[in-house]
N, C-alpha and C. Protein backbone atom coordinates (compact mmCIF):
# COMPACT_ATOMS: atom_id res chain seq x y z
N UNK A 1 15.93 -47.24 195.29
CA UNK A 1 15.43 -47.11 194.32
C UNK A 1 15.07 -45.65 194.61
N UNK A 2 15.31 -44.39 194.04
CA UNK A 2 15.43 -43.45 193.82
C UNK A 2 13.75 -42.90 193.27
N UNK A 3 13.76 -41.94 194.17
CA UNK A 3 12.22 -41.34 193.98
C UNK A 3 12.36 -41.05 192.45
N UNK A 4 12.89 -40.14 191.02
CA UNK A 4 13.00 -40.54 189.90
C UNK A 4 13.01 -41.79 189.12
N UNK A 5 13.37 -43.15 189.33
CA UNK A 5 13.71 -44.03 189.36
C UNK A 5 12.45 -44.89 189.04
N UNK A 6 11.68 -44.54 190.07
CA UNK A 6 10.23 -45.15 190.66
C UNK A 6 9.36 -44.58 190.03
N UNK A 7 9.73 -43.36 189.70
CA UNK A 7 8.73 -42.38 188.53
C UNK A 7 8.87 -43.19 187.10
N UNK A 8 10.06 -43.31 186.36
CA UNK A 8 10.53 -43.99 185.11
C UNK A 8 10.29 -45.33 184.53
N UNK A 9 10.06 -46.02 185.81
CA UNK A 9 9.77 -47.50 186.25
C UNK A 9 8.96 -47.87 184.91
N UNK A 10 7.28 -47.75 185.98
CA UNK A 10 6.29 -47.86 185.00
C UNK A 10 6.10 -47.49 184.02
N UNK A 11 6.73 -45.59 183.33
CA UNK A 11 6.54 -45.41 182.11
C UNK A 11 7.01 -45.75 181.23
N UNK A 12 8.08 -46.27 181.70
CA UNK A 12 9.50 -47.48 180.39
C UNK A 12 8.66 -48.20 180.61
N UNK A 13 7.53 -49.34 181.59
CA UNK A 13 7.55 -50.25 180.66
C UNK A 13 5.86 -50.24 179.84
N UNK A 14 5.36 -49.55 180.14
CA UNK A 14 4.57 -48.72 179.21
C UNK A 14 4.76 -48.72 178.50
N UNK A 15 5.88 -47.52 177.75
CA UNK A 15 6.16 -47.06 176.71
C UNK A 15 6.55 -48.90 175.86
N UNK A 16 7.32 -49.46 176.32
CA UNK A 16 7.94 -50.85 175.89
C UNK A 16 6.91 -51.86 175.49
N UNK A 17 5.42 -51.73 176.33
CA UNK A 17 4.28 -52.88 175.89
C UNK A 17 4.09 -51.82 174.67
N UNK A 18 3.68 -50.36 174.70
CA UNK A 18 3.34 -49.85 173.86
C UNK A 18 4.16 -50.35 172.61
N UNK A 19 5.51 -50.28 172.85
CA UNK A 19 5.96 -50.47 171.56
C UNK A 19 6.11 -52.12 170.77
N UNK A 20 5.38 -52.54 171.52
CA UNK A 20 5.77 -53.99 171.39
C UNK A 20 4.93 -54.26 170.40
N UNK A 21 3.57 -53.87 170.97
CA UNK A 21 2.48 -53.74 170.47
C UNK A 21 1.73 -53.61 169.31
N UNK A 22 2.70 -51.96 168.76
CA UNK A 22 2.57 -51.00 167.49
C UNK A 22 3.45 -52.16 166.88
N UNK A 23 4.40 -53.25 167.02
CA UNK A 23 5.05 -53.66 166.16
C UNK A 23 4.36 -55.11 165.84
N UNK A 24 4.00 -55.67 166.39
CA UNK A 24 2.74 -56.86 166.39
C UNK A 24 2.03 -56.44 165.08
N UNK A 25 1.17 -55.54 165.34
CA UNK A 25 0.40 -55.15 164.88
C UNK A 25 0.73 -54.43 163.06
N UNK A 26 2.08 -54.16 163.05
CA UNK A 26 2.45 -53.06 162.04
C UNK A 26 2.88 -54.90 161.38
N UNK A 27 3.61 -55.38 162.11
CA UNK A 27 4.10 -57.05 161.17
C UNK A 27 2.52 -57.70 160.67
N UNK A 28 1.70 -57.64 161.17
CA UNK A 28 0.08 -58.66 160.88
C UNK A 28 -0.54 -57.56 159.84
N UNK A 29 -0.78 -55.93 159.86
CA UNK A 29 -1.09 -55.30 158.56
C UNK A 29 0.13 -55.10 157.37
N UNK A 30 1.24 -55.62 157.44
CA UNK A 30 1.86 -55.77 156.15
C UNK A 30 1.90 -56.95 156.15
N UNK A 31 1.36 -58.15 156.35
CA UNK A 31 1.71 -59.48 156.12
C UNK A 31 0.74 -59.33 155.16
N UNK A 32 -0.71 -59.61 155.97
CA UNK A 32 -2.11 -59.51 155.58
C UNK A 32 -2.49 -58.34 154.02
N UNK A 33 -1.22 -57.45 154.09
CA UNK A 33 -2.00 -56.57 153.03
C UNK A 33 -0.87 -57.40 152.09
N UNK A 34 -0.12 -57.56 151.98
CA UNK A 34 0.33 -58.46 150.39
C UNK A 34 -0.07 -59.75 150.46
N UNK A 35 -0.49 -59.84 151.45
CA UNK A 35 -1.48 -61.96 151.45
C UNK A 35 -2.67 -61.76 150.01
N UNK A 36 -2.96 -61.01 150.36
CA UNK A 36 -4.01 -60.15 149.45
C UNK A 36 -4.25 -59.82 148.12
N UNK A 37 -3.09 -58.54 147.99
CA UNK A 37 -2.81 -58.25 147.16
C UNK A 37 -1.64 -58.21 146.19
N UNK A 38 -1.25 -59.70 146.33
CA UNK A 38 0.66 -60.38 145.86
C UNK A 38 0.22 -61.50 145.39
N UNK A 39 0.70 -61.94 143.74
CA UNK A 39 0.84 -63.08 143.70
C UNK A 39 2.18 -63.72 144.36
N UNK A 40 2.51 -64.80 145.11
CA UNK A 40 4.33 -64.97 144.55
C UNK A 40 4.80 -65.42 143.53
N UNK A 41 3.83 -66.10 142.56
CA UNK A 41 4.60 -66.47 141.20
C UNK A 41 4.66 -65.24 140.59
N UNK A 42 3.95 -64.35 140.80
CA UNK A 42 4.59 -62.59 139.43
C UNK A 42 5.46 -62.14 140.74
N UNK A 43 5.45 -62.20 141.91
CA UNK A 43 6.06 -61.08 142.51
C UNK A 43 5.08 -59.92 142.13
N UNK A 44 3.73 -59.51 142.18
CA UNK A 44 3.35 -58.14 141.41
C UNK A 44 2.26 -57.86 142.65
N UNK A 45 2.33 -56.74 143.46
CA UNK A 45 1.44 -55.72 144.33
C UNK A 45 0.53 -55.42 143.45
N UNK A 46 -1.27 -55.46 143.65
CA UNK A 46 -1.91 -54.09 143.18
C UNK A 46 -2.34 -53.05 144.50
N UNK A 47 -2.06 -51.67 143.69
CA UNK A 47 -2.63 -51.08 144.06
C UNK A 47 -3.48 -50.18 144.05
N UNK A 48 -4.31 -49.39 144.94
CA UNK A 48 -5.10 -48.48 144.19
C UNK A 48 -5.66 -49.04 143.46
N UNK A 49 -6.55 -49.54 143.06
CA UNK A 49 -7.25 -50.27 142.29
C UNK A 49 -8.30 -50.16 142.40
N UNK A 50 -9.48 -49.66 140.78
CA UNK A 50 -10.54 -49.42 140.30
C UNK A 50 -11.09 -48.93 139.01
N UNK A 51 -12.10 -49.38 138.63
CA UNK A 51 -12.72 -49.24 137.69
C UNK A 51 -13.99 -48.24 137.58
N UNK A 52 -14.14 -46.99 136.45
CA UNK A 52 -14.87 -45.95 136.79
C UNK A 52 -16.07 -46.59 135.89
N UNK A 53 -16.78 -46.03 137.07
CA UNK A 53 -18.46 -46.45 137.08
C UNK A 53 -18.63 -45.64 135.54
N UNK A 54 -19.24 -46.24 134.44
CA UNK A 54 -19.66 -45.57 133.74
C UNK A 54 -21.98 -45.40 134.23
N UNK A 55 -21.95 -44.99 133.00
CA UNK A 55 -23.68 -44.63 132.49
C UNK A 55 -24.16 -45.93 131.85
N UNK A 56 -25.43 -46.57 132.08
CA UNK A 56 -26.30 -47.97 132.14
C UNK A 56 -25.73 -48.16 129.98
N UNK A 57 -25.75 -47.65 129.37
CA UNK A 57 -25.74 -48.56 128.27
C UNK A 57 -23.71 -48.52 127.66
N UNK A 58 -23.36 -47.53 128.15
CA UNK A 58 -21.95 -47.38 127.97
C UNK A 58 -21.06 -48.64 127.39
N UNK A 59 -20.61 -48.67 126.41
CA UNK A 59 -19.77 -49.88 125.66
C UNK A 59 -18.49 -50.64 126.22
N UNK A 60 -17.66 -49.02 126.54
CA UNK A 60 -17.06 -48.92 126.98
C UNK A 60 -16.59 -48.72 128.76
N UNK A 61 -15.15 -48.90 129.29
CA UNK A 61 -14.97 -48.62 129.98
C UNK A 61 -13.12 -48.19 130.91
N UNK A 62 -12.54 -47.92 131.92
CA UNK A 62 -11.49 -48.11 132.24
C UNK A 62 -11.17 -48.82 133.45
N UNK A 63 -10.36 -48.89 133.67
CA UNK A 63 -9.49 -49.32 135.10
C UNK A 63 -8.53 -49.18 135.27
N UNK A 64 -8.06 -48.12 136.42
CA UNK A 64 -6.56 -48.18 136.90
C UNK A 64 -5.91 -48.56 137.86
N UNK A 65 -4.52 -48.84 137.96
CA UNK A 65 -4.17 -49.08 139.35
C UNK A 65 -2.79 -48.99 139.47
N UNK A 66 -2.35 -49.31 140.57
CA UNK A 66 -0.08 -49.48 140.19
C UNK A 66 0.34 -50.48 140.50
N UNK A 67 0.63 -51.21 139.82
CA UNK A 67 1.25 -52.92 139.91
C UNK A 67 2.80 -52.22 140.49
N UNK A 68 3.37 -52.25 141.35
CA UNK A 68 4.41 -53.03 141.88
C UNK A 68 5.23 -54.15 142.08
N UNK A 69 6.51 -54.11 141.53
CA UNK A 69 7.22 -55.48 141.66
C UNK A 69 8.07 -55.47 142.17
N UNK A 70 7.34 -56.53 143.46
CA UNK A 70 8.85 -56.74 144.03
C UNK A 70 10.11 -57.88 143.61
N UNK A 71 10.28 -57.91 142.74
CA UNK A 71 11.09 -59.27 142.00
C UNK A 71 12.48 -58.29 142.01
N UNK A 72 13.41 -59.15 141.81
CA UNK A 72 14.40 -58.58 141.15
C UNK A 72 14.65 -58.52 139.89
N UNK A 73 13.75 -58.57 139.46
CA UNK A 73 13.32 -58.99 137.42
C UNK A 73 12.77 -58.11 137.03
N UNK A 74 12.96 -58.02 135.99
CA UNK A 74 11.71 -57.34 135.38
C UNK A 74 10.38 -57.87 134.88
N UNK A 75 9.47 -57.31 134.74
CA UNK A 75 8.21 -58.46 134.38
C UNK A 75 7.07 -57.12 133.76
N UNK A 76 6.99 -58.23 132.44
CA UNK A 76 5.91 -57.49 132.00
C UNK A 76 4.76 -58.23 132.29
N UNK A 77 3.32 -57.46 131.54
CA UNK A 77 2.25 -57.35 131.68
C UNK A 77 1.97 -57.33 130.09
N UNK A 78 1.44 -58.79 129.72
CA UNK A 78 1.46 -58.90 127.89
C UNK A 78 -0.20 -58.56 127.50
N UNK A 79 -1.15 -59.37 129.07
CA UNK A 79 -2.62 -58.78 128.34
C UNK A 79 -3.56 -59.27 129.41
N UNK A 80 -5.03 -58.62 129.59
CA UNK A 80 -5.51 -58.42 130.71
C UNK A 80 -7.09 -59.00 130.00
N UNK A 81 -7.57 -60.52 131.08
CA UNK A 81 -9.24 -61.34 130.38
C UNK A 81 -9.68 -60.90 131.76
N UNK A 82 -10.49 -60.58 130.69
CA UNK A 82 -12.05 -60.32 131.91
C UNK A 82 -12.92 -61.20 131.15
N UNK A 83 -13.85 -61.67 132.06
CA UNK A 83 -15.31 -62.16 132.03
C UNK A 83 -16.16 -61.59 130.30
N UNK A 84 -16.56 -62.76 129.81
CA UNK A 84 -17.61 -62.46 128.89
C UNK A 84 -18.86 -62.04 129.55
N UNK A 85 -18.75 -61.99 130.68
CA UNK A 85 -20.07 -61.52 131.18
C UNK A 85 -20.57 -60.22 131.42
N UNK A 86 -18.80 -60.35 131.51
CA UNK A 86 -18.88 -57.79 131.89
C UNK A 86 -18.48 -57.46 130.40
N UNK A 87 -17.44 -58.21 129.47
CA UNK A 87 -17.18 -57.61 128.32
C UNK A 87 -16.63 -58.01 127.37
N UNK A 88 -16.56 -58.06 126.32
CA UNK A 88 -16.13 -58.81 125.66
C UNK A 88 -14.51 -59.47 125.09
N UNK A 89 -13.88 -58.37 125.47
CA UNK A 89 -12.53 -57.53 125.36
C UNK A 89 -11.37 -57.00 126.49
N UNK A 90 -11.06 -56.82 127.26
CA UNK A 90 -9.47 -56.47 128.22
C UNK A 90 -8.35 -55.79 126.99
N UNK A 91 -8.24 -54.36 127.29
CA UNK A 91 -6.96 -54.15 126.31
C UNK A 91 -6.27 -53.58 127.41
N UNK A 92 -4.60 -53.47 127.49
CA UNK A 92 -3.83 -52.41 128.07
C UNK A 92 -3.67 -51.15 126.87
N UNK A 93 -3.73 -50.60 127.38
CA UNK A 93 -3.86 -48.88 126.40
C UNK A 93 -2.51 -48.21 127.02
N UNK A 94 -2.08 -47.40 126.16
CA UNK A 94 -2.19 -45.71 127.01
C UNK A 94 -2.54 -44.48 126.10
N UNK A 95 -2.02 -43.49 126.42
CA UNK A 95 -3.31 -42.46 125.88
C UNK A 95 -1.59 -41.45 125.06
N UNK A 96 -1.84 -41.06 123.75
CA UNK A 96 -0.56 -40.06 123.20
C UNK A 96 -1.72 -39.12 122.51
N UNK A 97 -0.24 -37.60 122.83
CA UNK A 97 -0.58 -36.73 121.60
C UNK A 97 -0.69 -36.67 120.71
N UNK A 98 -1.48 -36.34 119.90
CA UNK A 98 -0.71 -36.23 118.45
C UNK A 98 -1.64 -35.52 117.74
N UNK A 99 -0.48 -34.50 117.50
CA UNK A 99 -0.98 -32.74 116.99
C UNK A 99 -1.56 -32.40 118.31
N UNK A 100 -2.75 -32.22 117.99
CA UNK A 100 -3.32 -31.66 119.68
C UNK A 100 -4.63 -31.98 119.28
N UNK A 101 -4.37 -33.80 119.10
CA UNK A 101 -5.49 -34.50 119.46
C UNK A 101 -5.11 -35.61 120.34
N UNK A 102 -5.69 -36.10 122.24
CA UNK A 102 -5.35 -36.97 122.85
C UNK A 102 -6.06 -38.52 121.98
N UNK A 103 -5.23 -39.36 122.08
CA UNK A 103 -5.66 -40.59 121.66
C UNK A 103 -5.10 -41.66 121.82
N UNK A 104 -5.92 -42.46 121.80
CA UNK A 104 -5.78 -44.23 123.20
C UNK A 104 -5.02 -45.03 121.50
N UNK A 105 -4.59 -46.25 122.43
CA UNK A 105 -3.48 -46.60 121.60
C UNK A 105 -3.46 -47.75 122.46
N UNK A 106 -3.72 -49.76 121.38
CA UNK A 106 -3.37 -50.17 122.00
C UNK A 106 -1.94 -50.45 122.32
N UNK A 107 -1.50 -51.24 123.46
CA UNK A 107 -0.36 -51.67 123.97
C UNK A 107 0.02 -53.29 123.74
N UNK A 108 0.32 -53.54 122.16
CA UNK A 108 0.44 -54.66 122.46
C UNK A 108 1.03 -55.49 122.42
N UNK A 109 2.49 -54.61 123.08
CA UNK A 109 3.62 -55.65 123.61
C UNK A 109 3.49 -55.46 124.88
N UNK A 110 2.32 -55.11 125.63
CA UNK A 110 2.28 -54.45 126.83
C UNK A 110 3.64 -53.79 127.59
N UNK A 111 2.95 -53.54 128.87
CA UNK A 111 3.90 -52.40 129.64
C UNK A 111 5.25 -53.16 130.78
N UNK A 112 5.94 -52.71 130.63
CA UNK A 112 7.44 -53.38 131.51
C UNK A 112 7.67 -52.58 132.86
N UNK A 113 7.36 -53.77 134.08
CA UNK A 113 7.68 -52.86 135.20
C UNK A 113 8.80 -53.22 135.74
N UNK A 114 9.30 -52.48 135.39
CA UNK A 114 10.78 -52.91 136.10
C UNK A 114 11.08 -53.40 137.64
N UNK A 115 12.39 -53.82 138.15
CA UNK A 115 12.54 -54.93 139.09
C UNK A 115 12.40 -53.92 140.18
N UNK A 116 11.66 -53.91 141.57
CA UNK A 116 11.02 -53.02 142.36
C UNK A 116 10.87 -51.78 142.01
N UNK A 117 10.10 -52.13 140.92
CA UNK A 117 9.41 -49.89 140.46
C UNK A 117 8.06 -50.23 140.25
N UNK A 118 7.63 -49.64 140.41
CA UNK A 118 5.78 -49.71 140.27
C UNK A 118 5.31 -48.55 138.95
N UNK A 119 4.48 -49.29 138.37
CA UNK A 119 3.67 -48.17 137.30
C UNK A 119 3.13 -48.00 137.13
N UNK A 120 2.29 -47.24 137.32
CA UNK A 120 0.76 -46.55 137.41
C UNK A 120 -0.11 -46.81 136.61
N UNK A 121 -0.61 -47.53 136.43
CA UNK A 121 -2.21 -47.46 135.37
C UNK A 121 -3.16 -46.52 135.84
N UNK A 122 -3.39 -44.95 135.02
CA UNK A 122 -4.85 -44.19 135.50
C UNK A 122 -4.41 -42.97 134.15
N UNK A 123 -5.80 -42.28 134.93
CA UNK A 123 -6.14 -41.34 133.36
C UNK A 123 -5.14 -40.27 132.52
N UNK A 124 -5.14 -40.68 131.43
CA UNK A 124 -3.69 -39.58 130.62
C UNK A 124 -3.15 -40.13 130.27
N UNK A 125 -2.80 -41.69 130.48
CA UNK A 125 -1.34 -42.27 130.34
C UNK A 125 -1.82 -43.78 130.63
N UNK A 126 -1.22 -44.98 130.46
CA UNK A 126 -1.37 -46.76 130.71
C UNK A 126 -2.77 -46.33 131.93
N UNK A 127 -3.48 -47.39 130.93
CA UNK A 127 -5.00 -47.38 131.43
C UNK A 127 -5.37 -49.04 131.01
N UNK A 128 -6.82 -50.15 131.46
CA UNK A 128 -7.26 -50.87 131.24
C UNK A 128 -8.20 -50.23 130.42
N UNK A 129 -8.64 -50.65 129.14
CA UNK A 129 -10.08 -50.41 128.09
C UNK A 129 -10.44 -51.98 128.40
N UNK A 130 -11.75 -51.82 128.75
CA UNK A 130 -13.01 -52.57 128.95
C UNK A 130 -14.03 -52.89 127.20
N UNK A 131 -13.72 -53.15 126.09
CA UNK A 131 -14.38 -53.08 125.26
C UNK A 131 -15.78 -54.40 125.24
N UNK A 132 -17.21 -53.51 124.72
CA UNK A 132 -17.92 -53.69 124.44
C UNK A 132 -18.43 -54.61 126.02
N UNK A 133 -18.14 -53.68 126.07
CA UNK A 133 -19.68 -54.42 128.51
C UNK A 133 -21.07 -54.42 127.88
N UNK A 134 -20.80 -55.71 128.39
CA UNK A 134 -22.22 -55.92 128.30
C UNK A 134 -23.50 -55.01 129.00
N UNK A 135 -22.99 -54.30 130.09
CA UNK A 135 -24.18 -53.21 130.93
C UNK A 135 -22.91 -52.39 131.47
N UNK A 136 -23.64 -50.97 131.61
CA UNK A 136 -22.80 -50.20 132.51
C UNK A 136 -21.76 -50.60 133.66
N UNK A 137 -20.74 -50.14 134.13
CA UNK A 137 -20.05 -50.44 135.57
C UNK A 137 -20.41 -49.79 136.40
N UNK A 138 -21.85 -49.90 137.74
CA UNK A 138 -22.56 -49.63 138.66
C UNK A 138 -21.69 -49.64 140.07
N UNK A 139 -21.40 -48.10 139.91
CA UNK A 139 -20.61 -47.88 141.40
C UNK A 139 -21.36 -48.35 142.32
N UNK A 140 -19.83 -48.79 143.05
CA UNK A 140 -20.31 -50.11 144.51
C UNK A 140 -20.01 -51.44 144.39
N UNK A 141 -20.40 -51.41 143.24
CA UNK A 141 -20.25 -52.95 142.66
C UNK A 141 -18.80 -53.72 142.57
N UNK A 142 -18.19 -54.45 141.93
CA UNK A 142 -16.68 -55.19 142.06
C UNK A 142 -16.74 -55.78 140.56
N UNK A 143 -15.77 -55.71 140.06
CA UNK A 143 -15.23 -56.60 138.83
C UNK A 143 -14.19 -57.46 138.85
N UNK A 144 -14.37 -58.44 138.66
CA UNK A 144 -12.52 -59.23 138.68
C UNK A 144 -12.17 -59.22 137.04
N UNK A 145 -10.69 -59.55 137.67
CA UNK A 145 -9.43 -58.99 135.76
C UNK A 145 -8.29 -60.09 135.90
N UNK A 146 -8.06 -60.95 134.93
CA UNK A 146 -6.74 -61.61 135.08
C UNK A 146 -5.95 -60.99 133.86
N UNK A 147 -4.43 -60.27 135.40
CA UNK A 147 -3.11 -59.69 134.60
C UNK A 147 -2.59 -61.63 134.58
N UNK A 148 -2.14 -60.97 132.77
CA UNK A 148 -1.14 -62.29 132.97
C UNK A 148 -0.14 -61.62 131.74
N UNK A 149 1.30 -62.24 133.29
CA UNK A 149 2.62 -61.68 132.14
C UNK A 149 3.63 -62.14 131.80
N UNK A 150 4.60 -62.10 131.72
CA UNK A 150 5.85 -62.71 130.64
C UNK A 150 5.96 -64.48 131.49
N UNK A 151 5.70 -65.13 130.63
CA UNK A 151 6.14 -66.72 131.33
C UNK A 151 4.37 -66.92 131.80
N UNK A 152 3.77 -66.86 130.79
CA UNK A 152 2.14 -67.18 131.64
C UNK A 152 1.99 -66.33 133.26
N UNK A 153 2.72 -65.75 134.08
CA UNK A 153 2.09 -65.79 135.42
C UNK A 153 0.44 -65.20 135.41
N UNK A 154 -0.35 -65.43 135.81
CA UNK A 154 -1.71 -65.01 136.21
C UNK A 154 -1.21 -64.70 137.48
N UNK A 155 -2.54 -63.61 137.56
CA UNK A 155 -2.54 -62.73 139.03
C UNK A 155 -4.05 -62.29 138.61
N UNK A 156 -4.95 -62.97 139.76
CA UNK A 156 -6.67 -62.51 139.04
C UNK A 156 -6.82 -61.67 140.22
N UNK A 157 -7.55 -60.49 140.56
CA UNK A 157 -7.45 -59.25 140.96
C UNK A 157 -9.35 -58.64 140.84
N UNK A 158 -9.85 -58.66 141.99
CA UNK A 158 -10.81 -57.80 141.79
C UNK A 158 -11.30 -56.75 142.54
N UNK A 159 -11.72 -55.16 142.46
CA UNK A 159 -11.96 -54.08 141.99
C UNK A 159 -12.64 -53.64 142.19
N UNK A 160 -13.06 -53.02 143.02
CA UNK A 160 -14.72 -51.93 143.25
C UNK A 160 -14.40 -50.55 141.99
N UNK A 161 -16.35 -50.79 141.49
CA UNK A 161 -16.39 -49.69 140.68
C UNK A 161 -16.90 -48.03 141.40
N UNK A 162 -15.82 -47.42 141.33
CA UNK A 162 -16.06 -46.49 141.77
C UNK A 162 -16.44 -45.14 140.78
N UNK A 163 -17.12 -43.93 141.34
CA UNK A 163 -18.05 -43.00 140.82
C UNK A 163 -16.56 -41.47 140.68
N UNK A 164 -15.76 -41.57 139.55
CA UNK A 164 -14.15 -40.99 139.53
C UNK A 164 -14.65 -39.13 139.21
N UNK A 165 -15.10 -38.37 139.90
CA UNK A 165 -14.98 -37.33 139.55
C UNK A 165 -13.87 -36.56 139.10
N UNK A 166 -13.05 -36.86 138.76
CA UNK A 166 -12.01 -35.93 138.17
C UNK A 166 -12.56 -35.13 136.80
N UNK A 167 -12.61 -33.88 136.22
CA UNK A 167 -12.88 -32.82 135.99
C UNK A 167 -11.76 -33.28 134.25
N UNK A 168 -10.54 -33.84 134.35
CA UNK A 168 -9.64 -34.08 132.84
C UNK A 168 -9.71 -35.45 132.62
N UNK A 169 -10.95 -35.93 132.39
CA UNK A 169 -11.06 -37.03 132.09
C UNK A 169 -11.92 -37.11 130.52
N UNK A 170 -10.93 -38.03 129.41
CA UNK A 170 -11.20 -37.80 127.70
C UNK A 170 -12.63 -38.59 128.12
N UNK A 171 -12.88 -38.47 126.59
CA UNK A 171 -14.45 -39.57 126.34
C UNK A 171 -12.92 -40.78 125.74
N UNK A 172 -13.72 -42.13 126.25
CA UNK A 172 -12.92 -43.18 126.27
C UNK A 172 -13.42 -44.04 124.62
N UNK A 173 -13.14 -44.19 123.72
CA UNK A 173 -13.72 -44.68 122.93
C UNK A 173 -14.24 -43.78 121.78
């Protein structure tokens, strides 16, 4: 065995073992991520979700996330439900400009997430409005929502409540 091959053999072995360990870790992480955030019936993954913290007596709140449709068929988010202990109702909204005024509108027909596509629910666009809050949304707490898709497929999610420092937010209702 040459001097060079004696040096390279341990290096190649170490590289191979490291590559295998990263590969196994990546599969475990991807599998775990999908199990916790996607529902087999809906094929929808929820990413980067949170509710914006409010002041204690607030009567409305906003929820944001990104939906990723992992199926080969379009999906429609038709409605959202929330515990009556938290709020009287949850609605799917969008923000539109009417002249110089930004207004929010409920989307009674829902939002379509194309096959293989992602749709972001964010300030100034699609978002979920919580109406009739029983108490403000406290930073560090969590809230549960149920997303309902066409065909009555449901996806229950738990999201953190976070302080949102963005200066561009407008007042909700």
